[in-house]
Amino acid sequence: MTIHKQIYIVAVAVLSLLFLLNTASDAALFRLHGMTAQEIFSNAKAAALANAACKGDASEIVHLVHSGADVNYRGKGGISPLICVKQRW
């Protein structure tokens, strides 16, 4: 399986979760234990991905994944950018 196909599969899975969770709030930003995404993730794309997931911004998630954002990136405490999807569940 090519890397592009893997990225596509991950993006579709994320979008599906966001659709199912109905995350439409534009005001939501990533916060966990009082820390922002930028404080948790040293990687700017991972921080942006976490914020996009919390806002439910599917087009931004796809853009970030296609531009190289790692959905499996681990920040402080082993946190993944997709923790927002789980938190909204």
PDB file of N, CA and C in Angstrom:
ATOM      1  N   MET A   1       0.849  -1.169   0.000  1.00  0.00           N
ATOM      2  CA  MET A   1       0.000   0.000   0.000  1.00  0.00           C
ATOM      3  C   MET A   1       0.902   1.243   0.000  1.00  0.00           C
ATOM      4  N   THR A   2       0.627   2.174  -0.886  1.00  0.00           N
ATOM      5  CA  THR A   2       1.448   3.378  -0.986  1.00  0.00           C
ATOM      6  C   THR A   2       1.135   4.334   0.163  1.00  0.00           C
ATOM      7  N   ILE A   3       2.082   5.240   0.413  1.00  0.00           N
ATOM      8  CA  ILE A   3       1.900   6.221   1.486  1.00  0.00           C
ATOM      9  C   ILE A   3       0.715   7.136   1.193  1.00  0.00           C
ATOM     10  N   HIS A   4       0.498   7.462  -0.087  1.00  0.00           N
ATOM     11  CA  HIS A   4      -0.637   8.325  -0.434  1.00  0.00           C
ATOM     12  C   HIS A   4      -1.964   7.644  -0.132  1.00  0.00           C
ATOM     13  N   LYS A   5      -2.029   6.353  -0.387  1.00  0.00           N
ATOM     14  CA  LYS A   5      -3.256   5.621  -0.098  1.00  0.00           C
ATOM     15  C   LYS A   5      -3.477   5.540   1.415  1.00  0.00           C
ATOM     16  N   GLN A   6      -2.397   5.367   2.175  1.00  0.00           N
ATOM     17  CA  GLN A   6      -2.514   5.330   3.635  1.00  0.00           C
ATOM     18  C   GLN A   6      -2.997   6.668   4.167  1.00  0.00           C
ATOM     19  N   ILE A   7      -2.450   7.762   3.623  1.00  0.00           N
ATOM     20  CA  ILE A   7      -2.875   9.104   4.040  1.00  0.00           C
ATOM     21  C   ILE A   7      -4.351   9.301   3.719  1.00  0.00           C
ATOM     22  N   TYR A   8      -4.757   8.882   2.545  1.00  0.00           N
ATOM     23  CA  TYR A   8      -6.161   9.015   2.140  1.00  0.00           C
ATOM     24  C   TYR A   8      -7.066   8.243   3.090  1.00  0.00           C
ATOM     25  N   ILE A   9      -6.676   7.018   3.427  1.00  0.00           N
ATOM     26  CA  ILE A   9      -7.487   6.181   4.321  1.00  0.00           C
ATOM     27  C   ILE A   9      -7.613   6.835   5.693  1.00  0.00           C
ATOM     28  N   VAL A  10      -6.505   7.367   6.210  1.00  0.00           N
ATOM     29  CA  VAL A  10      -6.533   8.032   7.516  1.00  0.00           C
ATOM     30  C   VAL A  10      -7.429   9.268   7.456  1.00  0.00           C
ATOM     31  N   ALA A  11      -7.290  10.059   6.390  1.00  0.00           N
ATOM     32  CA  ALA A  11      -8.100  11.274   6.263  1.00  0.00           C
ATOM     33  C   ALA A  11      -9.587  10.934   6.197  1.00  0.00           C
ATOM     34  N   VAL A  12      -9.932   9.903   5.445  1.00  0.00           N
ATOM     35  CA  VAL A  12     -11.338   9.486   5.344  1.00  0.00           C
ATOM     36  C   VAL A  12     -11.845   9.017   6.708  1.00  0.00           C
ATOM     37  N   ALA A  13     -11.017   8.279   7.440  1.00  0.00           N
ATOM     38  CA  ALA A  13     -11.427   7.809   8.770  1.00  0.00           C
ATOM     39  C   ALA A  13     -11.664   8.981   9.714  1.00  0.00           C
ATOM     40  N   VAL A  14     -10.777   9.963   9.685  1.00  0.00           N
ATOM     41  CA  VAL A  14     -10.928  11.148  10.543  1.00  0.00           C
ATOM     42  C   VAL A  14     -12.192  11.906  10.164  1.00  0.00           C
ATOM     43  N   LEU A  15     -12.386  12.104   8.879  1.00  0.00           N
ATOM     44  CA  LEU A  15     -13.581  12.818   8.429  1.00  0.00           C
ATOM     45  C   LEU A  15     -14.852  12.081   8.818  1.00  0.00           C
ATOM     46  N   SER A  16     -14.827  10.773   8.722  1.00  0.00           N
ATOM     47  CA  SER A  16     -15.991   9.975   9.108  1.00  0.00           C
ATOM     48  C   SER A  16     -16.300  10.142  10.586  1.00  0.00           C
ATOM     49  N   LEU A  17     -15.258  10.109  11.410  1.00  0.00           N
ATOM     50  CA  LEU A  17     -15.461  10.302  12.847  1.00  0.00           C
ATOM     51  C   LEU A  17     -16.026  11.685  13.130  1.00  0.00           C
ATOM     52  N   LEU A  18     -15.474  12.693  12.480  1.00  0.00           N
ATOM     53  CA  LEU A  18     -15.972  14.050  12.698  1.00  0.00           C
ATOM     54  C   LEU A  18     -17.426  14.183  12.279  1.00  0.00           C
ATOM     55  N   PHE A  19     -17.774  13.578  11.168  1.00  0.00           N
ATOM     56  CA  PHE A  19     -19.168  13.621  10.717  1.00  0.00           C
ATOM     57  C   PHE A  19     -20.072  12.944  11.736  1.00  0.00           C
ATOM     58  N   LEU A  20     -19.661  11.777  12.198  1.00  0.00           N
ATOM     59  CA  LEU A  20     -20.485  11.034  13.151  1.00  0.00           C
ATOM     60  C   LEU A  20     -20.625  11.762  14.479  1.00  0.00           C
ATOM     61  N   LEU A  21     -19.593  12.480  14.862  1.00  0.00           N
ATOM     62  CA  LEU A  21     -19.621  13.180  16.145  1.00  0.00           C
ATOM     63  C   LEU A  21     -20.271  14.555  16.052  1.00  0.00           C
ATOM     64  N   ASN A  22     -20.546  14.990  14.810  1.00  0.00           N
ATOM     65  CA  ASN A  22     -21.184  16.287  14.581  1.00  0.00           C
ATOM     66  C   ASN A  22     -20.462  17.409  15.301  1.00  0.00           C
ATOM     67  N   THR A  23     -19.179  17.549  15.015  1.00  0.00           N
ATOM     68  CA  THR A  23     -18.349  18.570  15.656  1.00  0.00           C
ATOM     69  C   THR A  23     -18.371  19.842  14.824  1.00  0.00           C
ATOM     70  N   ALA A  24     -19.393  20.648  15.003  1.00  0.00           N
ATOM     71  CA  ALA A  24     -19.565  21.830  14.163  1.00  0.00           C
ATOM     72  C   ALA A  24     -19.151  23.131  14.837  1.00  0.00           C
ATOM     73  N   SER A  25     -18.673  23.108  16.032  1.00  0.00           N
ATOM     74  CA  SER A  25     -18.344  24.333  16.743  1.00  0.00           C
ATOM     75  C   SER A  25     -17.097  24.996  16.163  1.00  0.00           C
ATOM     76  N   ASP A  26     -17.244  26.216  15.655  1.00  0.00           N
ATOM     77  CA  ASP A  26     -16.104  26.955  15.119  1.00  0.00           C
ATOM     78  C   ASP A  26     -15.256  27.556  16.233  1.00  0.00           C
ATOM     79  N   ALA A  27     -15.812  27.682  17.420  1.00  0.00           N
ATOM     80  CA  ALA A  27     -15.097  28.323  18.513  1.00  0.00           C
ATOM     81  C   ALA A  27     -14.178  27.369  19.264  1.00  0.00           C
ATOM     82  N   ALA A  28     -14.343  26.080  19.081  1.00  0.00           N
ATOM     83  CA  ALA A  28     -13.571  25.104  19.849  1.00  0.00           C
ATOM     84  C   ALA A  28     -12.109  25.109  19.436  1.00  0.00           C
ATOM     85  N   LEU A  29     -11.235  25.207  20.407  1.00  0.00           N
ATOM     86  CA  LEU A  29      -9.816  25.049  20.189  1.00  0.00           C
ATOM     87  C   LEU A  29      -9.316  23.976  21.136  1.00  0.00           C
ATOM     88  N   PHE A  30      -8.260  23.337  20.737  1.00  0.00           N
ATOM     89  CA  PHE A  30      -7.688  22.259  21.531  1.00  0.00           C
ATOM     90  C   PHE A  30      -7.201  22.792  22.869  1.00  0.00           C
ATOM     91  N   ARG A  31      -7.674  22.193  23.950  1.00  0.00           N
ATOM     92  CA  ARG A  31      -7.167  22.467  25.297  1.00  0.00           C
ATOM     93  C   ARG A  31      -7.243  21.165  26.067  1.00  0.00           C
ATOM     94  N   LEU A  32      -6.160  20.838  26.722  1.00  0.00           N
ATOM     95  CA  LEU A  32      -6.117  19.626  27.515  1.00  0.00           C
ATOM     96  C   LEU A  32      -5.374  19.934  28.797  1.00  0.00           C
ATOM     97  N   HIS A  33      -6.033  19.773  29.920  1.00  0.00           N
ATOM     98  CA  HIS A  33      -5.450  20.095  31.221  1.00  0.00           C
ATOM     99  C   HIS A  33      -4.904  21.520  31.239  1.00  0.00           C
ATOM    100  N   GLY A  34      -5.629  22.432  30.586  1.00  0.00           N
ATOM    101  CA  GLY A  34      -5.252  23.840  30.572  1.00  0.00           C
ATOM    102  C   GLY A  34      -4.166  24.203  29.576  1.00  0.00           C
ATOM    103  N   MET A  35      -3.656  23.237  28.834  1.00  0.00           N
ATOM    104  CA  MET A  35      -2.591  23.507  27.863  1.00  0.00           C
ATOM    105  C   MET A  35      -3.171  23.601  26.456  1.00  0.00           C
ATOM    106  N   THR A  36      -2.601  24.488  25.654  1.00  0.00           N
ATOM    107  CA  THR A  36      -3.014  24.623  24.255  1.00  0.00           C
ATOM    108  C   THR A  36      -2.291  23.578  23.411  1.00  0.00           C
ATOM    109  N   ALA A  37      -2.735  23.450  22.175  1.00  0.00           N
ATOM    110  CA  ALA A  37      -2.100  22.504  21.250  1.00  0.00           C
ATOM    111  C   ALA A  37      -0.626  22.855  21.054  1.00  0.00           C
ATOM    112  N   GLN A  38      -0.325  24.144  20.983  1.00  0.00           N
ATOM    113  CA  GLN A  38       1.061  24.561  20.784  1.00  0.00           C
ATOM    114  C   GLN A  38       1.940  24.207  21.980  1.00  0.00           C
ATOM    115  N   GLU A  39       1.362  24.151  23.163  1.00  0.00           N
ATOM    116  CA  GLU A  39       2.120  23.770  24.357  1.00  0.00           C
ATOM    117  C   GLU A  39       2.338  22.260  24.423  1.00  0.00           C
ATOM    118  N   ILE A  40       1.436  21.491  23.859  1.00  0.00           N
ATOM    119  CA  ILE A  40       1.533  20.036  23.910  1.00  0.00           C
ATOM    120  C   ILE A  40       2.345  19.478  22.748  1.00  0.00           C
ATOM    121  N   PHE A  41       2.166  20.051  21.561  1.00  0.00           N
ATOM    122  CA  PHE A  41       2.824  19.527  20.365  1.00  0.00           C
ATOM    123  C   PHE A  41       3.940  20.464  19.914  1.00  0.00           C
ATOM    124  N   SER A  42       5.171  19.961  19.866  1.00  0.00           N
ATOM    125  CA  SER A  42       6.287  20.776  19.389  1.00  0.00           C
ATOM    126  C   SER A  42       6.251  20.910  17.866  1.00  0.00           C
ATOM    127  N   ASN A  43       5.492  20.059  17.208  1.00  0.00           N
ATOM    128  CA  ASN A  43       5.340  20.085  15.757  1.00  0.00           C
ATOM    129  C   ASN A  43       4.142  20.972  15.409  1.00  0.00           C
ATOM    130  N   ALA A  44       4.386  22.023  14.608  1.00  0.00           N
ATOM    131  CA  ALA A  44       3.329  22.990  14.280  1.00  0.00           C
ATOM    132  C   ALA A  44       2.168  22.355  13.528  1.00  0.00           C
ATOM    133  N   LYS A  45       2.457  21.407  12.630  1.00  0.00           N
ATOM    134  CA  LYS A  45       1.379  20.766  11.878  1.00  0.00           C
ATOM    135  C   LYS A  45       0.522  19.885  12.779  1.00  0.00           C
ATOM    136  N   ALA A  46       1.136  19.231  13.754  1.00  0.00           N
ATOM    137  CA  ALA A  46       0.374  18.413  14.698  1.00  0.00           C
ATOM    138  C   ALA A  46      -0.533  19.305  15.555  1.00  0.00           C
ATOM    139  N   ALA A  47      -0.028  20.458  15.966  1.00  0.00           N
ATOM    140  CA  ALA A  47      -0.835  21.402  16.747  1.00  0.00           C
ATOM    141  C   ALA A  47      -2.009  21.913  15.913  1.00  0.00           C
ATOM    142  N   ALA A  48      -1.735  22.248  14.657  1.00  0.00           N
ATOM    143  CA  ALA A  48      -2.806  22.717  13.766  1.00  0.00           C
ATOM    144  C   ALA A  48      -3.836  21.621  13.531  1.00  0.00           C
ATOM    145  N   LEU A  49      -3.374  20.381  13.406  1.00  0.00           N
ATOM    146  CA  LEU A  49      -4.283  19.248  13.214  1.00  0.00           C
ATOM    147  C   LEU A  49      -5.186  19.063  14.431  1.00  0.00           C
ATOM    148  N   ALA A  50      -4.636  19.201  15.624  1.00  0.00           N
ATOM    149  CA  ALA A  50      -5.437  19.086  16.842  1.00  0.00           C
ATOM    150  C   ALA A  50      -6.506  20.175  16.890  1.00  0.00           C
ATOM    151  N   ASN A  51      -6.122  21.404  16.545  1.00  0.00           N
ATOM    152  CA  ASN A  51      -7.099  22.502  16.539  1.00  0.00           C
ATOM    153  C   ASN A  51      -8.185  22.275  15.494  1.00  0.00           C
ATOM    154  N   ALA A  52      -7.790  21.816  14.311  1.00  0.00           N
ATOM    155  CA  ALA A  52      -8.768  21.559  13.248  1.00  0.00           C
ATOM    156  C   ALA A  52      -9.733  20.447  13.659  1.00  0.00           C
ATOM    157  N   ALA A  53      -9.222  19.416  14.321  1.00  0.00           N
ATOM    158  CA  ALA A  53     -10.078  18.317  14.773  1.00  0.00           C
ATOM    159  C   ALA A  53     -11.077  18.813  15.816  1.00  0.00           C
ATOM    160  N   CYS A  54     -10.625  19.675  16.709  1.00  0.00           N
ATOM    161  CA  CYS A  54     -11.531  20.202  17.738  1.00  0.00           C
ATOM    162  C   CYS A  54     -12.605  21.102  17.149  1.00  0.00           C
ATOM    163  N   LYS A  55     -12.261  21.810  16.082  1.00  0.00           N
ATOM    164  CA  LYS A  55     -13.239  22.681  15.433  1.00  0.00           C
ATOM    165  C   LYS A  55     -14.151  21.909  14.487  1.00  0.00           C
ATOM    166  N   GLY A  56     -13.768  20.681  14.165  1.00  0.00           N
ATOM    167  CA  GLY A  56     -14.545  19.914  13.201  1.00  0.00           C
ATOM    168  C   GLY A  56     -14.348  20.411  11.785  1.00  0.00           C
ATOM    169  N   ASP A  57     -13.190  20.996  11.513  1.00  0.00           N
ATOM    170  CA  ASP A  57     -12.885  21.571  10.208  1.00  0.00           C
ATOM    171  C   ASP A  57     -12.305  20.503   9.289  1.00  0.00           C
ATOM    172  N   ALA A  58     -13.195  19.771   8.624  1.00  0.00           N
ATOM    173  CA  ALA A  58     -12.791  18.636   7.799  1.00  0.00           C
ATOM    174  C   ALA A  58     -11.862  19.045   6.666  1.00  0.00           C
ATOM    175  N   SER A  59     -12.138  20.165   6.012  1.00  0.00           N
ATOM    176  CA  SER A  59     -11.283  20.576   4.891  1.00  0.00           C
ATOM    177  C   SER A  59      -9.875  20.917   5.369  1.00  0.00           C
ATOM    178  N   GLU A  60      -9.756  21.510   6.538  1.00  0.00           N
ATOM    179  CA  GLU A  60      -8.436  21.822   7.089  1.00  0.00           C
ATOM    180  C   GLU A  60      -7.693  20.543   7.483  1.00  0.00           C
ATOM    181  N   ILE A  61      -8.414  19.567   8.021  1.00  0.00           N
ATOM    182  CA  ILE A  61      -7.795  18.285   8.371  1.00  0.00           C
ATOM    183  C   ILE A  61      -7.230  17.630   7.117  1.00  0.00           C
ATOM    184  N   VAL A  62      -8.017  17.578   6.065  1.00  0.00           N
ATOM    185  CA  VAL A  62      -7.545  16.975   4.807  1.00  0.00           C
ATOM    186  C   VAL A  62      -6.328  17.730   4.286  1.00  0.00           C
ATOM    187  N   HIS A  63      -6.398  19.064   4.301  1.00  0.00           N
ATOM    188  CA  HIS A  63      -5.270  19.878   3.835  1.00  0.00           C
ATOM    189  C   HIS A  63      -4.007  19.568   4.645  1.00  0.00           C
ATOM    190  N   LEU A  64      -4.138  19.525   5.957  1.00  0.00           N
ATOM    191  CA  LEU A  64      -2.978  19.268   6.815  1.00  0.00           C
ATOM    192  C   LEU A  64      -2.405  17.872   6.598  1.00  0.00           C
ATOM    193  N   VAL A  65      -3.277  16.882   6.476  1.00  0.00           N
ATOM    194  CA  VAL A  65      -2.806  15.509   6.248  1.00  0.00           C
ATOM    195  C   VAL A  65      -2.087  15.420   4.905  1.00  0.00           C
ATOM    196  N   HIS A  66      -2.647  16.045   3.877  1.00  0.00           N
ATOM    197  CA  HIS A  66      -2.012  16.027   2.556  1.00  0.00           C
ATOM    198  C   HIS A  66      -0.694  16.797   2.552  1.00  0.00           C
ATOM    199  N   SER A  67      -0.561  17.784   3.428  1.00  0.00           N
ATOM    200  CA  SER A  67       0.682  18.555   3.478  1.00  0.00           C
ATOM    201  C   SER A  67       1.700  17.962   4.445  1.00  0.00           C
ATOM    202  N   GLY A  68       1.387  16.778   4.981  1.00  0.00           N
ATOM    203  CA  GLY A  68       2.390  16.069   5.779  1.00  0.00           C
ATOM    204  C   GLY A  68       2.154  16.003   7.275  1.00  0.00           C
ATOM    205  N   ALA A  69       1.026  16.496   7.763  1.00  0.00           N
ATOM    206  CA  ALA A  69       0.752  16.388   9.199  1.00  0.00           C
ATOM    207  C   ALA A  69       0.616  14.916   9.583  1.00  0.00           C
ATOM    208  N   ASP A  70       1.267  14.534  10.639  1.00  0.00           N
ATOM    209  CA  ASP A  70       1.279  13.143  11.097  1.00  0.00           C
ATOM    210  C   ASP A  70       0.174  12.939  12.131  1.00  0.00           C
ATOM    211  N   VAL A  71      -0.853  12.185  11.766  1.00  0.00           N
ATOM    212  CA  VAL A  71      -1.966  11.958  12.692  1.00  0.00           C
ATOM    213  C   VAL A  71      -1.539  11.117  13.891  1.00  0.00           C
ATOM    214  N   ASN A  72      -0.417  10.444  13.778  1.00  0.00           N
ATOM    215  CA  ASN A  72       0.083   9.617  14.875  1.00  0.00           C
ATOM    216  C   ASN A  72       1.181  10.303  15.674  1.00  0.00           C
ATOM    217  N   TYR A  73       1.447  11.568  15.405  1.00  0.00           N
ATOM    218  CA  TYR A  73       2.477  12.317  16.127  1.00  0.00           C
ATOM    219  C   TYR A  73       2.142  12.305  17.622  1.00  0.00           C
ATOM    220  N   ARG A  74       3.134  12.170  18.449  1.00  0.00           N
ATOM    221  CA  ARG A  74       2.917  12.147  19.900  1.00  0.00           C
ATOM    222  C   ARG A  74       3.562  13.358  20.553  1.00  0.00           C
ATOM    223  N   GLY A  75       2.761  14.103  21.283  1.00  0.00           N
ATOM    224  CA  GLY A  75       3.255  15.266  22.015  1.00  0.00           C
ATOM    225  C   GLY A  75       3.528  14.881  23.457  1.00  0.00           C
ATOM    226  N   LYS A  76       3.506  15.875  24.329  1.00  0.00           N
ATOM    227  CA  LYS A  76       3.743  15.639  25.762  1.00  0.00           C
ATOM    228  C   LYS A  76       2.780  14.583  26.281  1.00  0.00           C
ATOM    229  N   GLY A  77       3.295  13.660  27.048  1.00  0.00           N
ATOM    230  CA  GLY A  77       2.474  12.620  27.643  1.00  0.00           C
ATOM    231  C   GLY A  77       1.944  11.608  26.642  1.00  0.00           C
ATOM    232  N   GLY A  78       2.508  11.594  25.433  1.00  0.00           N
ATOM    233  CA  GLY A  78       2.065  10.635  24.425  1.00  0.00           C
ATOM    234  C   GLY A  78       0.750  10.992  23.764  1.00  0.00           C
ATOM    235  N   ILE A  79       0.337  12.262  23.871  1.00  0.00           N
ATOM    236  CA  ILE A  79      -0.933  12.717  23.323  1.00  0.00           C
ATOM    237  C   ILE A  79      -0.860  12.784  21.798  1.00  0.00           C
ATOM    238  N   SER A  80      -1.920  12.317  21.133  1.00  0.00           N
ATOM    239  CA  SER A  80      -2.046  12.365  19.672  1.00  0.00           C
ATOM    240  C   SER A  80      -2.932  13.553  19.288  1.00  0.00           C
ATOM    241  N   PRO A  81      -2.710  14.148  18.096  1.00  0.00           N
ATOM    242  CA  PRO A  81      -3.587  15.244  17.655  1.00  0.00           C
ATOM    243  C   PRO A  81      -5.059  14.841  17.569  1.00  0.00           C
ATOM    244  N   LEU A  82      -5.327  13.558  17.430  1.00  0.00           N
ATOM    245  CA  LEU A  82      -6.706  13.114  17.290  1.00  0.00           C
ATOM    246  C   LEU A  82      -7.414  12.914  18.634  1.00  0.00           C
ATOM    247  N   ILE A  83      -6.767  13.323  19.727  1.00  0.00           N
ATOM    248  CA  ILE A  83      -7.400  13.216  21.047  1.00  0.00           C
ATOM    249  C   ILE A  83      -8.703  14.020  21.079  1.00  0.00           C
ATOM    250  N   CYS A  84      -8.789  15.076  20.273  1.00  0.00           N
ATOM    251  CA  CYS A  84     -10.025  15.880  20.232  1.00  0.00           C
ATOM    252  C   CYS A  84     -11.206  15.058  19.779  1.00  0.00           C
ATOM    253  N   VAL A  85     -10.988  14.176  18.824  1.00  0.00           N
ATOM    254  CA  VAL A  85     -12.082  13.344  18.353  1.00  0.00           C
ATOM    255  C   VAL A  85     -12.577  12.489  19.505  1.00  0.00           C
ATOM    256  N   LYS A  86     -11.666  11.923  20.274  1.00  0.00           N
ATOM    257  CA  LYS A  86     -12.044  11.077  21.410  1.00  0.00           C
ATOM    258  C   LYS A  86     -12.721  11.915  22.483  1.00  0.00           C
ATOM    259  N   GLN A  87     -12.192  13.129  22.766  1.00  0.00           N
ATOM    260  CA  GLN A  87     -12.787  13.974  23.796  1.00  0.00           C
ATOM    261  C   GLN A  87     -14.219  14.361  23.448  1.00  0.00           C
ATOM    262  N   ARG A  88     -14.499  14.578  22.177  1.00  0.00           N
ATOM    263  CA  ARG A  88     -15.832  15.002  21.766  1.00  0.00           C
ATOM    264  C   ARG A  88     -16.792  13.839  21.731  1.00  0.00           C
ATOM    265  N   TRP A  89     -16.297  12.617  21.774  1.00  0.00           N
ATOM    266  CA  TRP A  89     -17.140  11.432  21.762  1.00  0.00           C
ATOM    267  C   TRP A  89     -17.914  11.385  23.031  1.00  0.00           C
TER     268      TRP A  89
END
